[in-house]
Amino acid sequence: MSKVRIAPLPPPYSSEVQQDFDRIMHGAPPLALFRTVARNPRVLSRMMAGGLLDRGSITIRARELMILRTCARCGAEYEWGVHVAVYSAKAKLSPAQVNATAAAQINAADWPIEDLLVLRLADALHDSSRVEDALWAELSACYDETQLIELLMLAGLYHAVSFVVNGTGVEREAFAPKFPTTRPD
C-alpha cells in the first residue's frame, strides 16, 4: 500500500464530528477511515447518514459477503480486514469462507446458492457495472426487490469506501487481518 496521503483527524473533535463518530462507533474510538473522512465534516455526516450496516432487508451474511468480495476485488485491504474482524463471526462465515472472499476465483461448489449468487453479483458489478439477465433471473429466485436494491447499493457504497481507503492510504487497523496471500485481480 502507498503511504498515508491524508492523515486521520486527531482529537479533540468538533461536537458535530463527535456526534457522527458516536452514531457509528457506539463509544469505541473512531476508525482511521472515519477520522480521515472527517477532514471534510460534511462528507463524514453524509457518509454516516447513508450507511447500510443496520438491520436491513438482507441477512448479515449476505451483507458481509457483498462487502468482503467488493472490498477484495477493489484491493481495499483496510476495509476488508475491518469487516472480517468485526462482522465475519456474526455473519457465521468460517475462516475458509472469509479467505475465499479474497480468492481470485470463487469455487461454486464451496457455497450455498444464496451465498454464491451474492459473490457472483459482486463480481459482475465490479467487472462490468452490469448484471446480465441470466444472473438477474437467478438472483430474483432467491432475493426479492428490496433485497436486490440493498445488495446493489452495498456494492456501490463499498466501491466508494474502497476508493477512499485506497486513495488516501488509510493505514490498516491493528486488530484487522491482512488479505490472505492470494486475492482477486
N, C-alpha and C. Protein backbone atom coordinates (compact mmCIF):
# COMPACT_ATOMS: atom_id res chain seq x y z
N MET A 1 0.84 -1.18 0.00
CA MET A 1 0.00 0.00 0.00
C MET A 1 0.88 1.24 0.00
N SER A 2 0.38 2.29 -0.57
CA SER A 2 1.10 3.55 -0.60
C SER A 2 1.07 4.20 0.78
N LYS A 3 1.87 5.23 0.94
CA LYS A 3 1.91 5.95 2.22
C LYS A 3 0.61 6.72 2.45
N VAL A 4 0.41 7.10 3.69
CA VAL A 4 -0.76 7.89 4.06
C VAL A 4 -0.69 9.23 3.35
N ARG A 5 -1.75 9.55 2.62
CA ARG A 5 -1.80 10.82 1.88
C ARG A 5 -2.58 11.89 2.62
N ILE A 6 -3.59 11.47 3.36
CA ILE A 6 -4.37 12.39 4.19
C ILE A 6 -4.41 11.77 5.58
N ALA A 7 -3.81 12.43 6.53
CA ALA A 7 -3.75 11.90 7.89
C ALA A 7 -5.12 11.95 8.54
N PRO A 8 -5.47 10.94 9.33
CA PRO A 8 -6.72 10.98 10.08
C PRO A 8 -6.77 12.19 11.01
N LEU A 9 -7.94 12.74 11.17
CA LEU A 9 -8.15 13.89 12.04
C LEU A 9 -7.82 13.50 13.48
N PRO A 10 -6.96 14.28 14.15
CA PRO A 10 -6.66 13.96 15.55
C PRO A 10 -7.71 14.59 16.48
N PRO A 11 -7.87 14.04 17.68
CA PRO A 11 -8.74 14.68 18.66
C PRO A 11 -8.10 15.99 19.13
N PRO A 12 -8.84 16.87 19.73
CA PRO A 12 -10.27 16.79 20.00
C PRO A 12 -11.09 17.07 18.74
N TYR A 13 -12.28 16.48 18.71
CA TYR A 13 -13.16 16.62 17.56
C TYR A 13 -14.24 17.65 17.86
N SER A 14 -14.73 18.29 16.81
CA SER A 14 -15.86 19.20 16.99
C SER A 14 -17.06 18.38 17.47
N SER A 15 -18.03 19.05 18.05
CA SER A 15 -19.20 18.32 18.57
C SER A 15 -19.96 17.62 17.44
N GLU A 16 -20.00 18.24 16.25
CA GLU A 16 -20.70 17.61 15.12
C GLU A 16 -19.99 16.34 14.67
N VAL A 17 -18.68 16.41 14.58
CA VAL A 17 -17.89 15.23 14.18
C VAL A 17 -18.01 14.15 15.24
N GLN A 18 -17.94 14.52 16.50
CA GLN A 18 -18.06 13.54 17.58
C GLN A 18 -19.42 12.85 17.54
N GLN A 19 -20.47 13.61 17.24
CA GLN A 19 -21.80 13.01 17.13
C GLN A 19 -21.84 11.96 16.02
N ASP A 20 -21.22 12.27 14.88
CA ASP A 20 -21.16 11.29 13.79
C ASP A 20 -20.38 10.05 14.20
N PHE A 21 -19.26 10.24 14.89
CA PHE A 21 -18.48 9.09 15.36
C PHE A 21 -19.31 8.25 16.34
N ASP A 22 -20.00 8.92 17.26
CA ASP A 22 -20.80 8.20 18.26
C ASP A 22 -21.91 7.38 17.61
N ARG A 23 -22.48 7.92 16.55
CA ARG A 23 -23.57 7.23 15.86
C ARG A 23 -23.13 5.88 15.31
N ILE A 24 -21.91 5.79 14.82
CA ILE A 24 -21.46 4.55 14.20
C ILE A 24 -20.59 3.71 15.13
N MET A 25 -19.85 4.34 16.03
CA MET A 25 -18.87 3.61 16.84
C MET A 25 -19.40 3.17 18.21
N HIS A 26 -20.51 3.71 18.64
CA HIS A 26 -21.14 3.31 19.90
C HIS A 26 -20.16 3.32 21.07
N GLY A 27 -19.40 4.41 21.20
CA GLY A 27 -18.48 4.58 22.32
C GLY A 27 -17.06 4.10 22.07
N ALA A 28 -16.83 3.32 21.04
CA ALA A 28 -15.47 2.87 20.72
C ALA A 28 -14.72 4.00 20.02
N PRO A 29 -13.41 3.98 20.06
CA PRO A 29 -12.65 5.02 19.35
C PRO A 29 -12.94 4.95 17.85
N PRO A 30 -13.00 6.09 17.18
CA PRO A 30 -13.33 6.09 15.75
C PRO A 30 -12.21 5.45 14.92
N LEU A 31 -12.62 4.70 13.91
CA LEU A 31 -11.68 4.07 13.00
C LEU A 31 -10.93 5.12 12.19
N ALA A 32 -9.76 4.73 11.71
CA ALA A 32 -8.95 5.64 10.90
C ALA A 32 -9.70 6.11 9.66
N LEU A 33 -10.49 5.23 9.06
CA LEU A 33 -11.28 5.63 7.89
C LEU A 33 -12.18 6.82 8.23
N PHE A 34 -12.92 6.71 9.32
CA PHE A 34 -13.85 7.78 9.69
C PHE A 34 -13.10 9.06 10.06
N ARG A 35 -11.97 8.92 10.74
CA ARG A 35 -11.18 10.10 11.10
C ARG A 35 -10.57 10.76 9.86
N THR A 36 -10.29 9.96 8.83
CA THR A 36 -9.77 10.53 7.58
C THR A 36 -10.88 11.28 6.86
N VAL A 37 -12.04 10.66 6.73
CA VAL A 37 -13.16 11.32 6.07
C VAL A 37 -13.58 12.57 6.84
N ALA A 38 -13.36 12.57 8.16
CA ALA A 38 -13.73 13.72 8.99
C ALA A 38 -12.94 14.98 8.64
N ARG A 39 -11.92 14.86 7.82
CA ARG A 39 -11.24 16.06 7.33
C ARG A 39 -12.22 16.93 6.55
N ASN A 40 -13.30 16.31 6.06
CA ASN A 40 -14.40 17.03 5.43
C ASN A 40 -15.66 16.65 6.22
N PRO A 41 -16.03 17.41 7.26
CA PRO A 41 -17.14 17.03 8.13
C PRO A 41 -18.47 16.82 7.40
N ARG A 42 -18.72 17.58 6.36
CA ARG A 42 -19.96 17.40 5.61
C ARG A 42 -20.00 16.02 4.97
N VAL A 43 -18.90 15.60 4.38
CA VAL A 43 -18.85 14.27 3.75
C VAL A 43 -18.99 13.18 4.81
N LEU A 44 -18.34 13.36 5.96
CA LEU A 44 -18.49 12.39 7.05
C LEU A 44 -19.96 12.27 7.45
N SER A 45 -20.62 13.39 7.63
CA SER A 45 -22.02 13.38 8.04
C SER A 45 -22.90 12.68 7.01
N ARG A 46 -22.66 12.95 5.74
CA ARG A 46 -23.44 12.30 4.68
C ARG A 46 -23.13 10.81 4.61
N MET A 47 -21.86 10.45 4.81
CA MET A 47 -21.46 9.04 4.82
C MET A 47 -22.17 8.30 5.96
N MET A 48 -22.20 8.90 7.13
CA MET A 48 -22.86 8.27 8.27
C MET A 48 -24.36 8.13 8.03
N ALA A 49 -24.94 9.12 7.38
CA ALA A 49 -26.38 9.08 7.10
C ALA A 49 -26.72 8.03 6.05
N GLY A 50 -25.77 7.71 5.18
CA GLY A 50 -26.03 6.77 4.09
C GLY A 50 -25.56 5.36 4.36
N GLY A 51 -25.14 5.06 5.57
CA GLY A 51 -24.61 3.74 5.89
C GLY A 51 -25.67 2.65 5.80
N LEU A 52 -25.21 1.43 5.54
CA LEU A 52 -26.12 0.29 5.41
C LEU A 52 -25.75 -0.84 6.37
N LEU A 53 -25.20 -0.50 7.52
CA LEU A 53 -24.81 -1.53 8.47
C LEU A 53 -25.87 -1.78 9.54
N ASP A 54 -27.06 -1.30 9.29
CA ASP A 54 -28.17 -1.54 10.21
C ASP A 54 -28.86 -2.85 9.84
N ARG A 55 -29.90 -3.19 10.55
CA ARG A 55 -30.68 -4.38 10.23
C ARG A 55 -31.50 -4.07 8.99
N GLY A 56 -31.06 -4.56 7.87
CA GLY A 56 -31.70 -4.26 6.60
C GLY A 56 -32.61 -5.37 6.13
N SER A 57 -32.83 -5.40 4.83
CA SER A 57 -33.73 -6.40 4.25
C SER A 57 -33.02 -7.71 3.94
N ILE A 58 -31.69 -7.71 4.03
CA ILE A 58 -30.91 -8.93 3.78
C ILE A 58 -30.27 -9.40 5.07
N THR A 59 -29.80 -10.63 5.07
CA THR A 59 -29.13 -11.17 6.25
C THR A 59 -27.76 -10.51 6.41
N ILE A 60 -27.24 -10.55 7.63
CA ILE A 60 -25.89 -10.03 7.85
C ILE A 60 -24.89 -10.83 7.03
N ARG A 61 -25.17 -12.10 6.80
CA ARG A 61 -24.27 -12.93 6.00
C ARG A 61 -24.21 -12.43 4.56
N ALA A 62 -25.35 -12.18 3.95
CA ALA A 62 -25.38 -11.66 2.57
C ALA A 62 -24.71 -10.30 2.51
N ARG A 63 -25.00 -9.46 3.50
CA ARG A 63 -24.38 -8.13 3.55
C ARG A 63 -22.87 -8.24 3.59
N GLU A 64 -22.37 -9.05 4.50
CA GLU A 64 -20.92 -9.15 4.66
C GLU A 64 -20.25 -9.84 3.47
N LEU A 65 -20.91 -10.80 2.86
CA LEU A 65 -20.33 -11.40 1.64
C LEU A 65 -20.18 -10.35 0.54
N MET A 66 -21.21 -9.52 0.37
CA MET A 66 -21.13 -8.47 -0.64
C MET A 66 -19.99 -7.49 -0.31
N ILE A 67 -19.90 -7.09 0.93
CA ILE A 67 -18.87 -6.14 1.34
C ILE A 67 -17.48 -6.74 1.19
N LEU A 68 -17.30 -7.95 1.69
CA LEU A 68 -15.97 -8.57 1.64
C LEU A 68 -15.51 -8.79 0.20
N ARG A 69 -16.40 -9.30 -0.65
CA ARG A 69 -16.00 -9.56 -2.03
C ARG A 69 -15.73 -8.25 -2.77
N THR A 70 -16.57 -7.26 -2.56
CA THR A 70 -16.37 -5.96 -3.21
C THR A 70 -15.05 -5.34 -2.78
N CYS A 71 -14.78 -5.33 -1.49
CA CYS A 71 -13.53 -4.75 -1.00
C CYS A 71 -12.32 -5.54 -1.49
N ALA A 72 -12.44 -6.85 -1.53
CA ALA A 72 -11.33 -7.66 -2.04
C ALA A 72 -11.07 -7.37 -3.50
N ARG A 73 -12.14 -7.32 -4.29
CA ARG A 73 -11.97 -7.03 -5.72
C ARG A 73 -11.38 -5.65 -5.95
N CYS A 74 -11.65 -4.71 -5.06
CA CYS A 74 -11.11 -3.36 -5.18
C CYS A 74 -9.72 -3.22 -4.56
N GLY A 75 -9.23 -4.29 -3.94
CA GLY A 75 -7.92 -4.22 -3.29
C GLY A 75 -7.92 -3.38 -2.03
N ALA A 76 -9.07 -3.24 -1.40
CA ALA A 76 -9.21 -2.42 -0.19
C ALA A 76 -8.98 -3.28 1.05
N GLU A 77 -7.72 -3.59 1.31
CA GLU A 77 -7.37 -4.45 2.44
C GLU A 77 -7.84 -3.86 3.76
N TYR A 78 -7.73 -2.54 3.90
CA TYR A 78 -8.17 -1.89 5.14
C TYR A 78 -9.62 -2.28 5.46
N GLU A 79 -10.53 -2.01 4.52
CA GLU A 79 -11.95 -2.22 4.80
C GLU A 79 -12.30 -3.70 4.88
N TRP A 80 -11.68 -4.51 4.03
CA TRP A 80 -11.88 -5.95 4.09
C TRP A 80 -11.51 -6.46 5.48
N GLY A 81 -10.34 -6.05 5.98
CA GLY A 81 -9.88 -6.50 7.28
C GLY A 81 -10.76 -6.06 8.43
N VAL A 82 -11.25 -4.82 8.38
CA VAL A 82 -12.16 -4.33 9.42
C VAL A 82 -13.43 -5.17 9.45
N HIS A 83 -13.99 -5.45 8.29
CA HIS A 83 -15.22 -6.24 8.25
C HIS A 83 -14.99 -7.68 8.66
N VAL A 84 -13.84 -8.25 8.31
CA VAL A 84 -13.51 -9.60 8.78
C VAL A 84 -13.46 -9.60 10.30
N ALA A 85 -12.73 -8.65 10.88
CA ALA A 85 -12.55 -8.61 12.33
C ALA A 85 -13.86 -8.36 13.08
N VAL A 86 -14.69 -7.46 12.56
CA VAL A 86 -15.87 -7.04 13.31
C VAL A 86 -17.11 -7.89 13.01
N TYR A 87 -17.27 -8.35 11.77
CA TYR A 87 -18.55 -8.94 11.38
C TYR A 87 -18.51 -10.40 10.92
N SER A 88 -17.36 -10.96 10.59
CA SER A 88 -17.38 -12.30 9.98
C SER A 88 -17.96 -13.36 10.92
N ALA A 89 -17.66 -13.29 12.20
CA ALA A 89 -18.23 -14.27 13.14
C ALA A 89 -19.74 -14.07 13.27
N LYS A 90 -20.18 -12.82 13.32
CA LYS A 90 -21.62 -12.54 13.40
C LYS A 90 -22.35 -13.04 12.16
N ALA A 91 -21.65 -13.03 11.03
CA ALA A 91 -22.24 -13.49 9.76
C ALA A 91 -22.10 -15.00 9.59
N LYS A 92 -21.50 -15.65 10.59
CA LYS A 92 -21.29 -17.10 10.57
C LYS A 92 -20.48 -17.55 9.35
N LEU A 93 -19.43 -16.79 9.06
CA LEU A 93 -18.51 -17.15 7.98
C LEU A 93 -17.31 -17.84 8.59
N SER A 94 -16.97 -18.99 8.07
CA SER A 94 -15.80 -19.73 8.56
C SER A 94 -14.53 -19.03 8.07
N PRO A 95 -13.39 -19.30 8.70
CA PRO A 95 -12.13 -18.72 8.21
C PRO A 95 -11.88 -19.06 6.73
N ALA A 96 -12.20 -20.28 6.33
CA ALA A 96 -12.01 -20.65 4.92
C ALA A 96 -12.92 -19.83 4.01
N GLN A 97 -14.15 -19.60 4.43
CA GLN A 97 -15.06 -18.78 3.62
C GLN A 97 -14.59 -17.33 3.56
N VAL A 98 -14.13 -16.81 4.67
CA VAL A 98 -13.60 -15.44 4.68
C VAL A 98 -12.45 -15.33 3.69
N ASN A 99 -11.51 -16.26 3.77
CA ASN A 99 -10.37 -16.24 2.83
C ASN A 99 -10.84 -16.39 1.39
N ALA A 100 -11.86 -17.19 1.17
CA ALA A 100 -12.36 -17.39 -0.20
C ALA A 100 -12.94 -16.11 -0.79
N THR A 101 -13.42 -15.19 0.05
CA THR A 101 -13.94 -13.93 -0.50
C THR A 101 -12.85 -13.12 -1.15
N ALA A 102 -11.60 -13.41 -0.80
CA ALA A 102 -10.47 -12.69 -1.37
C ALA A 102 -9.71 -13.52 -2.40
N ALA A 103 -10.26 -14.66 -2.79
CA ALA A 103 -9.60 -15.52 -3.78
C ALA A 103 -9.82 -14.97 -5.19
N ALA A 104 -8.92 -15.34 -6.08
CA ALA A 104 -9.03 -14.88 -7.47
C ALA A 104 -10.31 -15.42 -8.11
N GLN A 105 -10.65 -16.64 -7.83
CA GLN A 105 -11.85 -17.27 -8.39
C GLN A 105 -12.68 -17.82 -7.24
N ILE A 106 -13.99 -17.71 -7.38
CA ILE A 106 -14.91 -18.29 -6.41
C ILE A 106 -15.21 -19.72 -6.85
N ASN A 107 -15.03 -20.67 -5.97
CA ASN A 107 -15.35 -22.07 -6.26
C ASN A 107 -16.82 -22.30 -5.91
N ALA A 108 -17.64 -22.44 -6.92
CA ALA A 108 -19.09 -22.56 -6.74
C ALA A 108 -19.46 -23.71 -5.82
N ALA A 109 -18.71 -24.79 -5.86
CA ALA A 109 -19.05 -25.97 -5.06
C ALA A 109 -18.91 -25.72 -3.55
N ASP A 110 -18.20 -24.67 -3.18
CA ASP A 110 -17.96 -24.38 -1.77
C ASP A 110 -19.05 -23.55 -1.10
N TRP A 111 -20.05 -23.12 -1.86
CA TRP A 111 -21.01 -22.16 -1.33
C TRP A 111 -22.45 -22.61 -1.53
N PRO A 112 -23.32 -22.31 -0.56
CA PRO A 112 -24.77 -22.45 -0.81
C PRO A 112 -25.17 -21.47 -1.91
N ILE A 113 -26.23 -21.76 -2.62
CA ILE A 113 -26.63 -20.96 -3.79
C ILE A 113 -26.83 -19.49 -3.44
N GLU A 114 -27.47 -19.18 -2.30
CA GLU A 114 -27.71 -17.79 -1.94
C GLU A 114 -26.40 -17.02 -1.78
N ASP A 115 -25.42 -17.64 -1.14
CA ASP A 115 -24.12 -17.00 -0.96
C ASP A 115 -23.42 -16.84 -2.30
N LEU A 116 -23.43 -17.89 -3.09
CA LEU A 116 -22.76 -17.86 -4.39
C LEU A 116 -23.33 -16.75 -5.27
N LEU A 117 -24.64 -16.57 -5.24
CA LEU A 117 -25.25 -15.52 -6.05
C LEU A 117 -24.78 -14.13 -5.63
N VAL A 118 -24.64 -13.91 -4.33
CA VAL A 118 -24.15 -12.61 -3.86
C VAL A 118 -22.72 -12.39 -4.34
N LEU A 119 -21.89 -13.40 -4.24
CA LEU A 119 -20.50 -13.29 -4.70
C LEU A 119 -20.43 -13.06 -6.20
N ARG A 120 -21.26 -13.76 -6.95
CA ARG A 120 -21.28 -13.56 -8.40
C ARG A 120 -21.78 -12.17 -8.76
N LEU A 121 -22.76 -11.66 -8.00
CA LEU A 121 -23.25 -10.30 -8.22
C LEU A 121 -22.13 -9.29 -7.96
N ALA A 122 -21.40 -9.46 -6.88
CA ALA A 122 -20.28 -8.56 -6.59
C ALA A 122 -19.28 -8.57 -7.73
N ASP A 123 -18.96 -9.75 -8.24
CA ASP A 123 -18.00 -9.85 -9.34
C ASP A 123 -18.54 -9.20 -10.61
N ALA A 124 -19.80 -9.44 -10.92
CA ALA A 124 -20.39 -8.87 -12.14
C ALA A 124 -20.38 -7.35 -12.08
N LEU A 125 -20.76 -6.79 -10.95
CA LEU A 125 -20.79 -5.34 -10.81
C LEU A 125 -19.38 -4.76 -10.88
N HIS A 126 -18.43 -5.43 -10.27
CA HIS A 126 -17.06 -4.95 -10.32
C HIS A 126 -16.49 -5.03 -11.74
N ASP A 127 -16.77 -6.12 -12.42
CA ASP A 127 -16.19 -6.34 -13.75
C ASP A 127 -16.83 -5.50 -14.85
N SER A 128 -18.15 -5.30 -14.76
CA SER A 128 -18.82 -4.65 -15.88
C SER A 128 -19.81 -3.55 -15.49
N SER A 129 -20.02 -3.36 -14.20
CA SER A 129 -21.03 -2.41 -13.71
C SER A 129 -22.43 -2.76 -14.21
N ARG A 130 -22.63 -4.03 -14.52
CA ARG A 130 -23.92 -4.52 -15.02
C ARG A 130 -24.23 -5.89 -14.43
N VAL A 131 -25.49 -6.28 -14.58
CA VAL A 131 -25.92 -7.61 -14.18
C VAL A 131 -26.62 -8.23 -15.39
N GLU A 132 -26.04 -9.28 -15.91
CA GLU A 132 -26.64 -9.95 -17.07
C GLU A 132 -27.99 -10.54 -16.69
N ASP A 133 -28.86 -10.68 -17.68
CA ASP A 133 -30.22 -11.18 -17.45
C ASP A 133 -30.25 -12.54 -16.77
N ALA A 134 -29.35 -13.44 -17.16
CA ALA A 134 -29.35 -14.79 -16.57
C ALA A 134 -29.05 -14.73 -15.08
N LEU A 135 -28.05 -13.93 -14.70
CA LEU A 135 -27.73 -13.80 -13.27
C LEU A 135 -28.87 -13.11 -12.54
N TRP A 136 -29.47 -12.10 -13.15
CA TRP A 136 -30.59 -11.41 -12.51
C TRP A 136 -31.75 -12.38 -12.25
N ALA A 137 -32.01 -13.25 -13.19
CA ALA A 137 -33.09 -14.24 -13.01
C ALA A 137 -32.77 -15.16 -11.83
N GLU A 138 -31.54 -15.59 -11.73
CA GLU A 138 -31.15 -16.45 -10.61
C GLU A 138 -31.27 -15.70 -9.28
N LEU A 139 -30.80 -14.47 -9.27
CA LEU A 139 -30.91 -13.66 -8.06
C LEU A 139 -32.37 -13.44 -7.66
N SER A 140 -33.21 -13.17 -8.63
CA SER A 140 -34.63 -12.91 -8.37
C SER A 140 -35.36 -14.12 -7.81
N ALA A 141 -34.84 -15.30 -8.06
CA ALA A 141 -35.43 -16.51 -7.50
C ALA A 141 -35.12 -16.66 -6.01
N CYS A 142 -34.07 -15.99 -5.53
CA CYS A 142 -33.66 -16.10 -4.13
C CYS A 142 -33.88 -14.84 -3.31
N TYR A 143 -33.89 -13.69 -3.98
CA TYR A 143 -33.98 -12.41 -3.30
C TYR A 143 -35.11 -11.58 -3.90
N ASP A 144 -35.86 -10.87 -3.02
CA ASP A 144 -36.93 -10.02 -3.54
C ASP A 144 -36.36 -8.66 -3.94
N GLU A 145 -37.22 -7.79 -4.46
CA GLU A 145 -36.77 -6.50 -4.99
C GLU A 145 -36.08 -5.63 -3.94
N THR A 146 -36.61 -5.61 -2.71
CA THR A 146 -35.99 -4.79 -1.68
C THR A 146 -34.58 -5.29 -1.37
N GLN A 147 -34.42 -6.60 -1.35
CA GLN A 147 -33.11 -7.19 -1.07
C GLN A 147 -32.13 -6.93 -2.22
N LEU A 148 -32.61 -7.01 -3.44
CA LEU A 148 -31.74 -6.76 -4.59
C LEU A 148 -31.26 -5.31 -4.61
N ILE A 149 -32.15 -4.39 -4.30
CA ILE A 149 -31.75 -2.97 -4.22
C ILE A 149 -30.67 -2.80 -3.16
N GLU A 150 -30.86 -3.43 -2.01
CA GLU A 150 -29.87 -3.30 -0.94
C GLU A 150 -28.53 -3.88 -1.35
N LEU A 151 -28.53 -5.02 -2.00
CA LEU A 151 -27.27 -5.63 -2.46
C LEU A 151 -26.56 -4.74 -3.48
N LEU A 152 -27.32 -4.17 -4.40
CA LEU A 152 -26.73 -3.28 -5.40
C LEU A 152 -26.13 -2.03 -4.74
N MET A 153 -26.86 -1.45 -3.79
CA MET A 153 -26.37 -0.26 -3.10
C MET A 153 -25.13 -0.57 -2.26
N LEU A 154 -25.11 -1.73 -1.63
CA LEU A 154 -23.92 -2.12 -0.87
C LEU A 154 -22.69 -2.18 -1.76
N ALA A 155 -22.85 -2.79 -2.93
CA ALA A 155 -21.72 -2.89 -3.86
C ALA A 155 -21.22 -1.49 -4.23
N GLY A 156 -22.13 -0.60 -4.53
CA GLY A 156 -21.73 0.77 -4.89
C GLY A 156 -21.11 1.51 -3.73
N LEU A 157 -21.70 1.39 -2.55
CA LEU A 157 -21.18 2.07 -1.38
C LEU A 157 -19.77 1.59 -1.05
N TYR A 158 -19.55 0.29 -1.13
CA TYR A 158 -18.23 -0.23 -0.77
C TYR A 158 -17.20 -0.08 -1.88
N HIS A 159 -17.64 0.18 -3.09
CA HIS A 159 -16.67 0.65 -4.10
C HIS A 159 -16.19 2.04 -3.68
N ALA A 160 -17.14 2.89 -3.27
CA ALA A 160 -16.76 4.25 -2.85
C ALA A 160 -15.85 4.20 -1.63
N VAL A 161 -16.17 3.39 -0.64
CA VAL A 161 -15.32 3.26 0.54
C VAL A 161 -13.94 2.77 0.13
N SER A 162 -13.89 1.81 -0.78
CA SER A 162 -12.61 1.29 -1.25
C SER A 162 -11.79 2.39 -1.93
N PHE A 163 -12.45 3.22 -2.70
CA PHE A 163 -11.74 4.33 -3.36
C PHE A 163 -11.13 5.26 -2.31
N VAL A 164 -11.88 5.54 -1.25
CA VAL A 164 -11.38 6.45 -0.21
C VAL A 164 -10.20 5.83 0.52
N VAL A 165 -10.32 4.58 0.97
CA VAL A 165 -9.22 4.00 1.74
C VAL A 165 -7.98 3.79 0.87
N ASN A 166 -8.18 3.40 -0.37
CA ASN A 166 -7.03 3.21 -1.26
C ASN A 166 -6.43 4.55 -1.71
N GLY A 167 -7.29 5.50 -2.01
CA GLY A 167 -6.82 6.80 -2.50
C GLY A 167 -6.12 7.62 -1.45
N THR A 168 -6.59 7.54 -0.19
CA THR A 168 -5.97 8.33 0.87
C THR A 168 -4.87 7.57 1.59
N GLY A 169 -4.79 6.26 1.38
CA GLY A 169 -3.75 5.47 2.04
C GLY A 169 -4.02 5.21 3.51
N VAL A 170 -5.29 5.00 3.88
CA VAL A 170 -5.62 4.73 5.28
C VAL A 170 -4.84 3.49 5.74
N GLU A 171 -4.16 3.63 6.87
CA GLU A 171 -3.38 2.51 7.40
C GLU A 171 -4.28 1.47 8.05
N ARG A 172 -3.90 0.21 7.89
CA ARG A 172 -4.66 -0.91 8.43
C ARG A 172 -4.78 -0.78 9.94
N GLU A 173 -5.98 -1.07 10.45
CA GLU A 173 -6.20 -1.07 11.89
C GLU A 173 -5.44 -2.26 12.48
N ALA A 174 -4.88 -2.10 13.68
CA ALA A 174 -4.08 -3.15 14.31
C ALA A 174 -4.88 -4.44 14.51
N PHE A 175 -6.17 -4.34 14.74
CA PHE A 175 -6.99 -5.52 15.02
C PHE A 175 -7.46 -6.23 13.75
N ALA A 176 -7.25 -5.62 12.60
CA ALA A 176 -7.81 -6.14 11.34
C ALA A 176 -6.79 -7.01 10.61
N PRO A 177 -7.24 -8.17 10.12
CA PRO A 177 -6.32 -9.04 9.37
C PRO A 177 -5.98 -8.47 8.00
N LYS A 178 -4.87 -8.96 7.48
CA LYS A 178 -4.46 -8.64 6.12
C LYS A 178 -5.16 -9.61 5.17
N PHE A 179 -5.09 -9.30 3.88
CA PHE A 179 -5.58 -10.24 2.87
C PHE A 179 -4.80 -11.54 2.99
N PRO A 180 -5.45 -12.67 2.65
CA PRO A 180 -4.68 -13.90 2.50
C PRO A 180 -3.70 -13.72 1.35
N THR A 181 -2.81 -14.65 1.17
CA THR A 181 -1.74 -14.47 0.18
C THR A 181 -2.24 -14.37 -1.25
N THR A 182 -3.38 -14.97 -1.56
CA THR A 182 -3.94 -14.83 -2.91
C THR A 182 -5.23 -14.06 -2.85
N ARG A 183 -5.47 -13.24 -3.83
CA ARG A 183 -6.71 -12.45 -3.88
C ARG A 183 -7.05 -12.13 -5.32
N PRO A 184 -8.27 -11.61 -5.58
CA PRO A 184 -8.69 -11.37 -6.95
C PRO A 184 -7.87 -10.29 -7.64
N ASP A 185 -7.87 -10.36 -8.95
CA ASP A 185 -7.18 -9.34 -9.75
C ASP A 185 -7.92 -8.02 -9.69
